[in-house]
Amino acid sequence: MQRNKTYAKILEQQGFFDEAYQIYKELLQVSPNDTQIKQALRRLKKLRTKFIGVNEKQRDFFVQMQTDEEFREFEEWLIGE
């Protein structure tokens, strides 16, 4: 997949803040005056700070859940069973 603003936005919406941030940083080097990229980097910097310590394995599992069984597994993890 091409590393562009659209892809970075999709990653951001799916909760992959670090990956999106890295793509925006790369894009900023190519387009240093792009205000959308600068805004995205500021927004993601705040989000990345807010979610420090998030269990990335569980976050990724949550983002990709599709079946009722997966939802139950995640609920059990949340309540510590």
Protein backbone atom coordinates (compact mmCIF):
# COMPACT_ATOMS: atom_id res chain seq x y z
CA MET A 1 0.00 0.00 0.00
CA GLN A 2 1.18 3.48 -0.82
CA ARG A 3 2.25 5.55 2.19
CA ASN A 4 0.20 8.70 1.73
CA LYS A 5 -2.15 10.93 3.74
CA THR A 6 -5.14 8.70 3.05
CA TYR A 7 -3.36 5.62 4.34
CA ALA A 8 -2.11 7.50 7.40
CA LYS A 9 -5.67 8.70 8.13
CA ILE A 10 -7.01 5.15 7.88
CA LEU A 11 -4.35 3.93 10.30
CA GLU A 12 -5.20 6.77 12.67
CA GLN A 13 -8.91 5.96 12.57
CA GLN A 14 -8.13 2.34 13.35
CA GLY A 15 -6.06 3.33 16.38
CA PHE A 16 -2.61 2.73 14.91
CA PHE A 17 -1.37 6.11 16.08
CA ASP A 18 2.37 5.36 16.01
CA GLU A 19 2.24 4.02 12.47
CA ALA A 20 0.19 6.97 11.25
CA TYR A 21 2.52 9.41 13.00
CA GLN A 22 5.56 7.90 11.26
CA ILE A 23 3.92 8.16 7.84
CA TYR A 24 2.96 11.79 8.45
CA LYS A 25 6.55 12.55 9.53
CA GLU A 26 7.85 11.04 6.29
CA LEU A 27 5.29 13.01 4.27
CA LEU A 28 6.25 16.23 6.03
CA GLN A 29 9.83 15.84 4.81
CA VAL A 30 8.52 15.79 1.24
CA SER A 31 5.90 18.53 1.78
CA PRO A 32 7.13 20.72 4.67
CA ASN A 33 4.44 23.38 4.13
CA ASP A 34 1.45 21.02 4.12
CA THR A 35 -0.83 22.30 6.90
CA GLN A 36 -2.93 19.12 6.95
CA ILE A 37 0.13 17.04 7.72
CA LYS A 38 1.23 19.47 10.44
CA GLN A 39 -2.24 19.36 12.03
CA ALA A 40 -2.27 15.57 11.89
CA LEU A 41 1.13 15.39 13.59
CA ARG A 42 -0.02 17.71 16.39
CA ARG A 43 -3.23 15.70 16.84
CA LEU A 44 -1.37 12.39 16.88
CA LYS A 45 1.30 13.66 19.24
CA LYS A 46 -1.45 14.30 21.81
CA LEU A 47 -3.05 10.91 21.18
CA ARG A 48 0.24 9.05 21.39
CA THR A 49 0.94 10.68 24.76
CA LYS A 50 -2.56 9.90 25.99
CA PHE A 51 -2.29 6.20 25.17
CA ILE A 52 1.18 5.45 26.50
CA GLY A 53 1.15 2.03 28.13
CA VAL A 54 -1.74 0.65 26.08
CA ASN A 55 -1.52 -3.09 25.58
CA GLU A 56 -0.85 -3.02 21.85
CA LYS A 57 -1.55 -6.71 21.35
CA GLN A 58 -5.03 -6.35 22.85
CA ARG A 59 -5.61 -3.05 21.03
CA ASP A 60 -4.82 -4.72 17.72
CA PHE A 61 -7.03 -7.66 18.59
CA PHE A 62 -9.87 -5.28 19.49
CA VAL A 63 -9.53 -3.30 16.25
CA GLN A 64 -9.68 -6.47 14.18
CA MET A 65 -12.47 -8.31 16.05
CA GLN A 66 -15.21 -9.68 13.85
CA THR A 67 -16.89 -12.63 15.56
CA ASP A 68 -18.98 -12.94 18.71
CA GLU A 69 -16.34 -15.31 20.10
CA GLU A 70 -13.65 -12.67 19.68
CA PHE A 71 -15.84 -10.09 21.45
CA ARG A 72 -16.37 -12.52 24.35
CA GLU A 73 -12.64 -13.21 24.55
CA PHE A 74 -11.92 -9.49 24.70
CA GLU A 75 -14.61 -8.93 27.35
CA GLU A 76 -13.08 -11.70 29.47
CA TRP A 77 -9.67 -10.06 29.15
CA LEU A 78 -11.16 -6.70 30.20
CA ILE A 79 -12.72 -8.06 33.37
CA GLY A 80 -9.70 -10.22 34.15
CA GLU A 81 -11.18 -13.69 33.83
